Amino acid sequence: MTDPAAKDFVILGGGTAGWMAACLLAHQWRDRGAKVTLIESKEIGIIGVGEGSTPQLKAFFDRLGIAECKWMPACDATYKNGISFHGWSNRSGYESYFHPFPAPIDSHTAAKFFYNTRARRTGRDVDAHPDRFFLPALLAATDKAPKAPEHFPFEPSYGYHFDAHKVGAFLAGHATENLGVRHIEGRVEKVERADNGDIAALVTEDGARIAGDFFLDCSGFRAILFNGALEEPFLAFSDNLFNDSAVVMPTAHADDAGLPSQTKATALSAGWIWDIPLTTRSGNGYVYSSSHIDAETAEQELRQHLGVGDQGEARHLKMRVGRVRNSWSHNALAIGLSQGFLEPLEATALHIVMATVEQFIGSFEVGGYTPENRDSFNADIAARYEGIRDYIVCHYKVNRREDAAGIDYWAACRNNHSLSDDLKAVLTNWYIGGDLAAEIARLDISKYYSAISWHSLLAGYGTFPDDAKITPPGEDIVHHDMDDIGRFLERCALNFSDHAAAL
């Protein structure tokens, strides 16, 4: 009797998303007879607009049994404690803040942070800046790696910075050499459909026909299967995420600087710049709204920020921000840029790839390898996109950047009222001094971003009453000893080593 998992999976497109999907499918079902084929054309370049990750990428490599010492050196990878935001607020004392990846050690300080933010929201003069409360902020500020020794009883949570092209190549080698994935080079020119609307086969330009039971669209923004053959509608997020373009260029590391263990996101006149440290270089890119600034001016602004003048070549990219209506349509799954794109502010691109493929694996198995759970799967993935989008939109909505450059970008972001009901509920709760952690639990959105993340974002901008309305805390307020919290974090940090040395 044939194992129901013995399906032929055909993936259109390589890159990091395609090879990640190939590895996950083959790892899960190869021993049960499944076959995975990946078709890609060397003529088609890889977008590669992001080179950072969330902690889910560590879980991906752990699942495949690939040690950091194997893949990180091959991909110029470094460790990432989180993201620091600079210039998103002009409020004194809140010009920058750090967004940590929540970890078990944070349970010792999070409640105090939540308490102080609520006290300050209700007009009490207490310290509520997130950087004072969490270990990852201290590790990032001192260029330390989030790698704990055996005697430290708390496992840190961290992501990576990496060369996306090299990660794709590394995964391609692992998939073909260790997992039996078949690799075909060729350009697909035709998609054959069955009578029931399913995809039957892909036909390359040289006439090769690759049939399969299930197809994955990893063809990038072209979305050959989903926007092409299957005509799956694309839902744009342009009404509340204005950025649609980017200009990118690498720079050399500063000779006199340590190796950062954080991504930096710096606000400019019509968007923001990422600074991602690799072992060999720094990756830089300006994500901006073409409605507020043209490509040439954006490039000049990036060059000025980097201090490179006319040196080096810049690459310009257009971004299609939004998602397909259904990520699973007929016998096909959209992955990566074919599925959707949320600007790289929170480095969620590979997170969504992994979440989508893993949830598909679970839904397909539970449903007897049939479309039985397709509708619930699509609803869950759509909710994930909406949840991540809300968090990114909040960065722009609550910005406190007063820009004198004459560009109305940041004011337009603040004045944007195209918000989801969940985001409206979060902001209302914050501004009225409510229990935000309880509200996030009620809304059931902590699976996308935790209460620590929401509190860090809103407090990090200084989204509190004006200083003139802040009063000294009375006896009815618990006075947390900030020096004691600082000593606790500093003693914890003694367990961690310099970032460059750890690599």
Protein backbone atom coordinates (compact mmCIF):
# COMPACT_ATOMS: atom_id res chain seq x y z
CA MET A 1 0.00 0.00 0.00
CA THR A 2 1.38 3.40 -0.95
CA ASP A 3 2.12 5.78 1.91
CA PRO A 4 -0.19 8.82 1.57
CA ALA A 5 2.84 11.05 2.23
CA ALA A 6 4.51 9.75 -0.94
CA LYS A 7 3.72 12.85 -2.97
CA ASP A 8 5.72 14.54 -5.70
CA PHE A 9 6.36 18.16 -4.65
CA VAL A 10 7.55 20.59 -7.29
CA ILE A 11 9.01 23.95 -6.24
CA LEU A 12 9.26 26.77 -8.75
CA GLY A 13 12.09 29.11 -7.80
CA GLY A 14 15.15 28.89 -5.60
CA GLY A 15 16.64 31.55 -3.40
CA THR A 16 16.43 31.33 0.37
CA ALA A 17 12.66 30.77 0.39
CA GLY A 18 12.66 27.99 -2.20
CA TRP A 19 15.52 26.06 -0.69
CA MET A 20 14.18 26.50 2.83
CA ALA A 21 10.86 25.01 1.70
CA ALA A 22 12.66 22.16 -0.08
CA CYS A 23 14.64 21.31 3.05
CA LEU A 24 11.59 21.31 5.31
CA LEU A 25 9.47 19.14 2.99
CA ALA A 26 12.23 16.63 2.30
CA HIS A 27 13.24 16.49 5.95
CA GLN A 28 9.64 15.75 6.97
CA TRP A 29 8.51 13.29 4.28
CA ARG A 30 11.51 11.90 2.40
CA ASP A 31 11.58 8.72 4.49
CA ARG A 32 7.92 8.16 3.63
CA GLY A 33 8.49 8.24 -0.11
CA ALA A 34 7.96 11.91 -0.90
CA LYS A 35 9.98 13.40 -3.75
CA VAL A 36 10.94 17.06 -3.93
CA THR A 37 12.03 18.77 -7.15
CA LEU A 38 13.15 22.39 -7.36
CA ILE A 39 13.27 24.26 -10.67
CA GLU A 40 15.10 27.55 -10.96
CA SER A 41 16.56 29.71 -13.69
CA LYS A 42 20.02 31.19 -13.26
CA GLU A 43 18.90 34.06 -15.48
CA ILE A 44 16.58 35.35 -12.77
CA GLY A 45 18.28 37.28 -9.98
CA ILE A 46 17.50 37.13 -6.30
CA ILE A 47 15.95 40.22 -4.69
CA GLY A 48 17.61 39.74 -1.31
CA VAL A 49 16.39 42.96 0.33
CA GLY A 50 16.83 41.62 3.86
CA GLU A 51 19.74 39.97 5.57
CA GLY A 52 18.44 39.63 9.11
CA SER A 53 16.19 37.16 10.91
CA THR A 54 14.05 36.53 13.94
CA PRO A 55 14.87 33.68 16.39
CA GLN A 56 12.78 31.30 14.26
CA LEU A 57 15.75 30.87 11.90
CA LYS A 58 17.67 29.19 14.72
CA ALA A 59 14.75 26.81 15.18
CA PHE A 60 14.89 26.06 11.44
CA PHE A 61 18.55 25.06 11.48
CA ASP A 62 18.07 23.15 14.73
CA ARG A 63 15.23 21.20 13.14
CA LEU A 64 17.46 20.22 10.22
CA GLY A 65 20.29 19.32 12.60
CA ILE A 66 22.69 21.87 11.11
CA ALA A 67 25.10 23.35 13.65
CA GLU A 68 25.94 27.07 13.67
CA CYS A 69 29.61 26.25 13.15
CA LYS A 70 28.66 24.69 9.81
CA TRP A 71 26.42 27.30 8.22
CA MET A 72 27.37 30.61 9.84
CA PRO A 73 30.97 30.88 8.55
CA ALA A 74 29.81 29.83 5.08
CA CYS A 75 27.22 32.64 5.02
CA ASP A 76 29.21 35.50 6.64
CA ALA A 77 26.70 35.28 9.50
CA THR A 78 26.72 37.15 12.80
CA TYR A 79 24.50 37.07 15.88
CA LYS A 80 21.56 39.40 16.40
CA ASN A 81 20.25 40.41 19.84
CA GLY A 82 17.47 42.51 18.32
CA ILE A 83 16.90 45.83 16.57
CA SER A 84 17.73 49.34 17.72
CA PHE A 85 15.63 52.22 16.40
CA HIS A 86 17.17 55.65 15.95
CA GLY A 87 15.51 58.94 15.09
CA TRP A 88 11.92 57.69 15.07
CA SER A 89 11.22 60.05 17.97
CA ASN A 90 12.59 63.51 18.69
CA ARG A 91 11.40 63.43 22.30
CA SER A 92 14.26 64.06 24.73
CA GLY A 93 15.44 60.81 26.27
CA TYR A 94 13.67 58.69 23.68
CA GLU A 95 15.72 59.41 20.56
CA SER A 96 16.52 55.70 20.35
CA TYR A 97 15.43 52.42 21.90
CA PHE A 98 16.18 48.73 21.56
CA HIS A 99 13.64 46.02 20.69
CA PRO A 100 14.77 42.75 22.33
CA PHE A 101 13.88 39.21 21.41
CA PRO A 102 11.99 38.13 24.55
CA ALA A 103 13.69 35.30 26.45
CA PRO A 104 13.24 33.48 29.81
CA ILE A 105 15.65 35.83 31.62
CA ASP A 106 13.25 38.70 30.87
CA SER A 107 10.67 37.23 33.24
CA HIS A 108 12.72 38.72 36.09
CA THR A 109 12.28 42.30 34.86
CA ALA A 110 9.30 42.39 32.50
CA ALA A 111 6.65 42.85 35.20
CA LYS A 112 8.54 45.86 36.58
CA PHE A 113 8.80 47.33 33.10
CA PHE A 114 5.07 46.85 32.51
CA TYR A 115 4.31 48.45 35.87
CA ASN A 116 6.51 51.48 35.22
CA THR A 117 5.14 52.08 31.73
CA ARG A 118 1.60 52.03 33.10
CA ALA A 119 2.57 54.39 35.92
CA ARG A 120 4.14 56.80 33.46
CA ARG A 121 1.14 56.58 31.13
CA THR A 122 -0.96 57.75 34.07
CA GLY A 123 1.33 60.71 34.70
CA ARG A 124 3.89 59.44 37.23
CA ASP A 125 7.56 60.33 36.88
CA VAL A 126 9.15 56.88 36.84
CA ASP A 127 11.76 55.41 34.50
CA ALA A 128 9.99 53.58 31.68
CA HIS A 129 12.57 53.38 28.89
CA PRO A 130 12.81 49.72 27.74
CA ASP A 131 16.63 49.72 27.48
CA ARG A 132 16.90 49.87 31.29
CA PHE A 133 15.03 46.59 31.80
CA PHE A 134 16.25 43.91 29.39
CA LEU A 135 19.49 41.98 29.02
CA PRO A 136 19.56 41.88 25.18
CA ALA A 137 19.71 45.70 25.12
CA LEU A 138 22.81 45.64 27.31
CA LEU A 139 24.43 42.86 25.24
CA ALA A 140 23.80 44.82 22.05
CA ALA A 141 25.09 48.08 23.54
CA THR A 142 28.37 46.35 24.49
CA ASP A 143 28.79 44.34 21.25
CA LYS A 144 28.35 40.99 22.98
CA ALA A 145 27.10 37.77 21.42
CA PRO A 146 23.92 36.17 22.82
CA LYS A 147 25.67 32.86 23.44
CA ALA A 148 25.40 31.74 27.04
CA PRO A 149 27.88 29.35 28.69
CA GLU A 150 26.70 26.06 30.16
CA HIS A 151 26.63 27.42 33.71
CA PHE A 152 24.20 30.24 32.80
CA PRO A 153 20.72 28.82 33.50
CA PHE A 154 18.76 30.89 30.96
CA GLU A 155 18.76 30.25 27.21
CA PRO A 156 18.93 33.56 25.28
CA SER A 157 16.70 34.19 22.29
CA TYR A 158 18.46 35.53 19.24
CA GLY A 159 18.45 35.84 15.47
CA TYR A 160 21.16 36.22 12.86
CA HIS A 161 22.52 38.54 10.21
CA PHE A 162 23.68 36.78 7.04
CA ASP A 163 24.32 36.97 3.31
CA ALA A 164 20.98 35.85 1.87
CA HIS A 165 22.52 34.60 -1.38
CA LYS A 166 24.99 32.42 0.52
CA VAL A 167 22.28 31.02 2.78
CA GLY A 168 20.33 30.00 -0.32
CA ALA A 169 23.41 28.34 -1.79
CA PHE A 170 24.18 26.56 1.48
CA LEU A 171 20.64 25.20 1.76
CA ALA A 172 20.74 24.12 -1.89
CA GLY A 173 23.81 22.02 -1.14
CA HIS A 174 22.23 20.51 1.96
CA ALA A 175 18.97 19.74 0.15
CA THR A 176 20.56 18.06 -2.86
CA GLU A 177 23.42 16.27 -1.08
CA ASN A 178 21.73 15.17 2.14
CA LEU A 179 17.97 15.20 1.54
CA GLY A 180 17.67 13.88 -2.01
CA VAL A 181 16.09 17.01 -3.51
CA ARG A 182 16.21 17.00 -7.30
CA HIS A 183 17.51 20.26 -8.78
CA ILE A 184 16.59 21.33 -12.32
CA GLU A 185 17.93 24.45 -13.99
CA GLY A 186 15.53 25.92 -16.50
CA ARG A 187 13.04 28.66 -17.18
CA VAL A 188 9.37 27.72 -16.91
CA GLU A 189 7.36 28.99 -19.87
CA LYS A 190 4.06 27.14 -19.45
CA VAL A 191 1.85 25.96 -16.61
CA GLU A 192 -0.46 23.03 -17.42
CA ARG A 193 -3.81 22.90 -15.60
CA ALA A 194 -5.96 19.85 -14.96
CA ASP A 195 -9.73 19.81 -15.62
CA ASN A 196 -10.43 20.53 -11.94
CA GLY A 197 -8.23 23.63 -11.98
CA ASP A 198 -5.25 22.03 -10.22
CA ILE A 199 -1.78 22.46 -11.63
CA ALA A 200 -0.71 19.34 -13.52
CA ALA A 201 2.81 20.18 -14.68
CA LEU A 202 5.36 22.88 -15.43
CA VAL A 203 6.94 23.04 -18.87
CA THR A 204 10.39 24.63 -19.35
CA GLU A 205 11.62 26.58 -22.36
CA ASP A 206 13.44 23.50 -23.69
CA GLY A 207 10.23 21.44 -23.57
CA ALA A 208 10.88 19.48 -20.39
CA ARG A 209 7.64 18.63 -18.56
CA ILE A 210 7.80 18.34 -14.76
CA ALA A 211 4.62 16.83 -13.35
CA GLY A 212 3.73 16.71 -9.68
CA ASP A 213 1.07 16.24 -7.04
CA PHE A 214 1.66 19.53 -5.27
CA PHE A 215 3.40 22.74 -6.36
CA LEU A 216 5.09 25.54 -4.43
CA ASP A 217 5.40 29.00 -5.96
CA CYS A 218 8.73 30.55 -4.93
CA SER A 219 9.10 32.64 -8.09
CA GLY A 220 9.37 35.97 -6.28
CA PHE A 221 7.29 39.05 -7.04
CA ARG A 222 6.44 37.54 -10.45
CA ALA A 223 4.32 34.90 -8.66
CA ILE A 224 4.07 32.82 -11.84
CA LEU A 225 1.71 30.24 -10.37
CA PHE A 226 -0.43 32.35 -8.05
CA ASN A 227 -0.82 35.69 -9.80
CA GLY A 228 -0.40 34.04 -13.18
CA ALA A 229 -1.88 30.59 -13.70
CA LEU A 230 -4.16 30.49 -10.64
CA GLU A 231 -5.11 34.19 -10.81
CA GLU A 232 -5.12 34.45 -7.02
CA PRO A 233 -5.88 38.09 -6.05
CA PHE A 234 -3.19 40.17 -4.39
CA LEU A 235 -4.25 42.31 -1.42
CA ALA A 236 -2.10 45.45 -1.21
CA PHE A 237 -1.23 47.06 2.12
CA SER A 238 -0.48 50.46 0.58
CA ASP A 239 -3.23 52.17 2.58
CA ASN A 240 -1.25 51.84 5.80
CA LEU A 241 2.28 50.88 4.75
CA PHE A 242 3.55 53.61 2.45
CA ASN A 243 7.05 52.32 1.66
CA ASP A 244 7.29 50.71 -1.77
CA SER A 245 10.94 51.17 -2.79
CA ALA A 246 14.47 50.61 -1.56
CA VAL A 247 18.02 51.50 -2.53
CA VAL A 248 20.76 49.22 -1.20
CA MET A 249 24.55 49.17 -1.07
CA PRO A 250 27.22 47.49 1.09
CA THR A 251 30.00 49.24 2.99
CA ALA A 252 33.18 48.09 4.72
CA HIS A 253 33.33 47.80 8.49
CA ALA A 254 34.83 50.73 10.36
CA ASP A 255 38.39 49.80 11.39
CA ASP A 256 38.06 51.25 14.89
CA ALA A 257 34.66 49.77 15.74
CA GLY A 258 33.62 46.50 17.32
CA LEU A 259 31.34 44.06 15.55
CA PRO A 260 27.75 45.02 16.39
CA SER A 261 25.30 42.31 17.47
CA GLN A 262 22.19 44.26 16.50
CA THR A 263 20.41 45.58 13.45
CA LYS A 264 20.08 49.36 13.36
CA ALA A 265 17.00 51.01 11.85
CA THR A 266 17.57 54.76 11.43
CA ALA A 267 14.77 57.08 10.34
CA LEU A 268 15.43 59.47 7.44
CA SER A 269 13.23 61.97 5.63
CA ALA A 270 10.93 59.51 3.84
CA GLY A 271 11.60 56.13 5.40
CA TRP A 272 14.39 54.38 7.24
CA ILE A 273 17.83 52.83 6.73
CA TRP A 274 18.92 49.38 7.86
CA ASP A 275 22.46 48.67 8.97
CA ILE A 276 23.18 44.94 9.13
CA PRO A 277 26.65 43.79 10.24
CA LEU A 278 28.09 40.70 8.54
CA THR A 279 31.54 39.27 9.16
CA THR A 280 32.77 40.65 5.83
CA ARG A 281 30.84 43.90 5.40
CA SER A 282 27.85 45.94 6.48
CA GLY A 283 24.63 45.64 4.51
CA ASN A 284 22.76 48.94 4.14
CA GLY A 285 19.47 49.87 2.55
CA TYR A 286 17.05 52.80 2.51
CA VAL A 287 13.40 51.74 2.52
CA TYR A 288 11.25 54.68 1.41
CA SER A 289 7.98 55.90 -0.06
CA SER A 290 8.24 56.85 -3.73
CA SER A 291 5.24 59.13 -3.20
CA HIS A 292 7.37 61.31 -0.93
CA ILE A 293 10.84 61.12 -2.44
CA ASP A 294 12.27 60.11 -5.84
CA ALA A 295 14.86 57.39 -6.37
CA GLU A 296 17.76 59.73 -7.13
CA THR A 297 17.18 61.83 -4.01
CA ALA A 298 16.80 58.68 -1.90
CA GLU A 299 20.13 57.37 -3.16
CA GLN A 300 21.85 60.65 -2.36
CA GLU A 301 20.34 60.63 1.12
CA LEU A 302 21.60 57.08 1.67
CA ARG A 303 25.08 57.98 0.42
CA GLN A 304 25.20 61.02 2.68
CA HIS A 305 24.13 58.95 5.67
CA LEU A 306 26.83 56.35 4.94
CA GLY A 307 29.47 59.00 4.18
CA VAL A 308 30.55 57.31 0.93
CA GLY A 309 30.01 60.16 -1.52
CA ASP A 310 29.90 58.80 -5.09
CA GLN A 311 31.86 55.65 -4.22
CA GLY A 312 30.27 52.25 -4.64
CA GLU A 313 27.33 51.03 -6.69
CA ALA A 314 23.77 51.33 -5.42
CA ARG A 315 20.97 48.98 -6.43
CA HIS A 316 17.34 50.13 -6.66
CA LEU A 317 14.41 47.85 -5.85
CA LYS A 318 10.64 48.08 -6.03
CA MET A 319 8.56 46.34 -3.40
CA ARG A 320 5.07 44.89 -3.70
CA VAL A 321 3.75 45.18 -0.14
CA GLY A 322 0.79 42.99 0.76
CA ARG A 323 -0.21 39.34 0.44
CA VAL A 324 -2.10 36.96 -1.80
CA ARG A 325 -5.67 36.36 -0.68
CA ASN A 326 -5.05 32.63 -0.16
CA SER A 327 -1.61 31.14 0.40
CA TRP A 328 -2.91 27.64 -0.42
CA SER A 329 -4.92 27.55 -3.63
CA HIS A 330 -5.89 24.33 -5.44
CA ASN A 331 -2.82 22.08 -5.16
CA ALA A 332 -0.33 24.90 -4.78
CA LEU A 333 1.28 26.87 -1.98
CA ALA A 334 2.71 30.38 -2.28
CA ILE A 335 5.98 30.94 -0.42
CA GLY A 336 8.25 33.96 -0.01
CA LEU A 337 7.73 36.99 -2.23
CA SER A 338 5.12 35.09 -4.27
CA GLN A 339 3.03 34.85 -1.13
CA GLY A 340 3.50 38.40 0.07
CA PHE A 341 5.92 40.94 1.40
CA LEU A 342 6.04 43.09 4.50
CA GLU A 343 8.84 45.61 4.49
CA PRO A 344 11.93 44.33 6.34
CA LEU A 345 11.50 46.55 9.42
CA GLU A 346 11.12 43.54 11.71
CA ALA A 347 13.01 41.01 9.52
CA THR A 348 10.00 38.69 9.28
CA ALA A 349 10.43 37.43 5.68
CA LEU A 350 12.05 34.08 6.50
CA HIS A 351 9.96 33.80 9.66
CA ILE A 352 6.82 33.76 7.49
CA VAL A 353 8.38 31.28 5.04
CA MET A 354 9.13 28.86 7.85
CA ALA A 355 5.77 29.38 9.57
CA THR A 356 3.88 28.82 6.32
CA VAL A 357 5.69 25.63 5.32
CA GLU A 358 5.56 24.14 8.82
CA GLN A 359 1.87 24.91 9.21
CA PHE A 360 1.20 23.45 5.77
CA ILE A 361 3.03 20.27 6.76
CA GLY A 362 0.90 19.98 9.88
CA SER A 363 -2.38 20.79 8.13
CA PHE A 364 -1.66 18.46 5.22
CA GLU A 365 -0.82 15.55 7.51
CA VAL A 366 -3.81 16.04 9.83
CA GLY A 367 -6.07 16.34 6.79
CA GLY A 368 -4.92 13.01 5.37
CA TYR A 369 -2.81 14.68 2.67
CA THR A 370 -5.93 16.24 1.16
CA PRO A 371 -7.22 19.85 0.96
CA GLU A 372 -9.48 19.22 3.97
CA ASN A 373 -7.79 21.86 6.14
CA ARG A 374 -7.03 24.35 3.39
CA ASP A 375 -9.57 26.97 4.51
CA SER A 376 -8.46 26.99 8.15
CA PHE A 377 -4.82 27.09 7.02
CA ASN A 378 -5.48 30.13 4.82
CA ALA A 379 -7.30 31.89 7.64
CA ASP A 380 -4.41 31.29 10.04
CA ILE A 381 -1.75 32.51 7.59
CA ALA A 382 -3.82 35.58 6.71
CA ALA A 383 -4.14 36.38 10.42
CA ARG A 384 -0.36 36.05 10.82
CA TYR A 385 0.21 38.57 8.03
CA GLU A 386 -2.33 40.94 9.54
CA GLY A 387 -0.78 40.60 13.00
CA ILE A 388 2.74 41.34 11.77
CA ARG A 389 1.44 44.18 9.60
CA ASP A 390 -0.27 45.78 12.62
CA TYR A 391 2.97 45.79 14.59
CA ILE A 392 4.89 47.36 11.71
CA VAL A 393 2.14 49.93 11.10
CA CYS A 394 2.32 50.89 14.78
CA HIS A 395 5.98 51.93 14.34
CA TYR A 396 4.85 54.56 11.87
CA LYS A 397 1.58 55.57 13.50
CA VAL A 398 3.11 56.50 16.87
CA ASN A 399 6.33 58.05 15.55
CA ARG A 400 7.30 61.29 17.27
CA ARG A 401 9.66 62.55 14.61
CA GLU A 402 9.23 66.22 13.80
CA ASP A 403 11.00 66.59 10.45
CA ALA A 404 12.02 70.04 9.30
CA ALA A 405 13.08 68.85 5.83
CA GLY A 406 9.80 69.93 4.26
CA ILE A 407 8.74 66.34 3.50
CA ASP A 408 5.40 65.38 5.02
CA TYR A 409 6.14 61.64 5.20
CA TRP A 410 6.29 61.26 8.99
CA ALA A 411 3.26 63.50 9.54
CA ALA A 412 1.35 61.43 6.98
CA CYS A 413 2.27 58.28 8.90
CA ARG A 414 1.02 59.78 12.18
CA ASN A 415 -2.18 60.97 10.55
CA ASN A 416 -2.94 57.64 8.90
CA HIS A 417 -6.21 56.29 10.28
CA SER A 418 -6.33 53.07 8.24
CA LEU A 419 -5.86 50.83 11.25
CA SER A 420 -7.20 47.39 12.10
CA ASP A 421 -9.58 46.92 15.01
CA ASP A 422 -6.86 45.07 16.93
CA LEU A 423 -4.37 47.90 16.53
CA LYS A 424 -7.00 50.46 17.53
CA ALA A 425 -7.70 48.41 20.66
CA VAL A 426 -3.99 48.25 21.54
CA LEU A 427 -3.50 52.00 21.12
CA THR A 428 -6.68 52.86 23.00
CA ASN A 429 -5.63 50.68 25.91
CA TRP A 430 -2.18 52.30 25.99
CA TYR A 431 -3.43 55.86 25.92
CA ILE A 432 -6.08 55.36 28.62
CA GLY A 433 -3.54 53.73 30.95
CA GLY A 434 -5.02 50.26 30.78
CA ASP A 435 -3.41 46.88 31.39
CA LEU A 436 -1.83 46.35 27.98
CA ALA A 437 -0.57 42.82 28.69
CA ALA A 438 -4.11 41.75 29.57
CA GLU A 439 -5.47 43.45 26.44
CA ILE A 440 -2.94 41.67 24.21
CA ALA A 441 -3.97 38.36 25.79
CA ARG A 442 -7.65 39.19 25.23
CA LEU A 443 -7.00 39.99 21.57
CA ASP A 444 -4.96 36.77 21.23
CA ILE A 445 -2.17 38.53 19.32
CA SER A 446 0.82 37.62 21.47
CA LYS A 447 1.60 34.75 19.08
CA TYR A 448 2.71 37.41 16.60
CA TYR A 449 4.36 39.89 18.99
CA SER A 450 4.60 39.50 22.73
CA ALA A 451 3.56 41.98 25.40
CA ILE A 452 7.26 42.82 25.86
CA SER A 453 7.51 43.78 22.19
CA TRP A 454 4.40 45.99 22.27
CA HIS A 455 5.47 47.72 25.49
CA SER A 456 9.00 48.27 24.14
CA LEU A 457 7.73 49.83 20.93
CA LEU A 458 5.28 52.22 22.56
CA ALA A 459 7.50 53.14 25.49
CA GLY A 460 10.62 53.36 23.34
CA TYR A 461 9.19 56.30 21.38
CA GLY A 462 8.30 58.10 24.60
CA THR A 463 4.57 57.71 23.93
CA PHE A 464 3.70 59.17 27.30
CA PRO A 465 2.04 62.37 28.58
CA ASP A 466 4.08 65.52 28.02
CA ASP A 467 6.68 66.28 30.69
CA ALA A 468 4.60 69.18 31.99
CA LYS A 469 1.86 66.69 32.92
CA ILE A 470 4.20 64.25 34.69
CA THR A 471 4.11 64.38 38.51
CA PRO A 472 6.39 62.80 41.14
CA PRO A 473 5.27 59.30 42.16
CA GLY A 474 3.48 59.18 45.48
CA GLU A 475 3.35 56.49 48.13
CA ASP A 476 0.63 54.71 46.16
CA ILE A 477 3.21 53.83 43.50
CA VAL A 478 5.69 50.98 43.91
CA HIS A 479 9.21 52.38 43.58
CA HIS A 480 11.31 49.85 41.67
CA ASP A 481 15.03 50.22 42.33
CA MET A 482 16.48 50.93 38.87
CA ASP A 483 20.04 50.61 40.17
CA ASP A 484 19.22 47.14 41.43
CA ILE A 485 17.79 46.19 38.02
CA GLY A 486 20.93 47.59 36.39
CA ARG A 487 23.21 45.54 38.63
CA PHE A 488 21.21 42.40 37.89
CA LEU A 489 21.57 42.91 34.13
CA GLU A 490 25.26 43.79 34.38
CA ARG A 491 26.01 40.65 36.37
CA CYS A 492 24.10 38.56 33.84
CA ALA A 493 26.07 40.20 31.02
CA LEU A 494 29.36 39.06 32.59
CA ASN A 495 28.51 35.58 31.29
CA PHE A 496 28.61 36.69 27.65
CA SER A 497 31.64 37.24 25.44
CA ASP A 498 32.61 39.78 22.80
CA HIS A 499 30.70 39.25 19.56
CA ALA A 500 33.71 39.00 17.25
CA ALA A 501 35.47 36.62 19.65
CA ALA A 502 32.38 34.40 19.89
CA LEU A 503 32.35 34.01 16.11
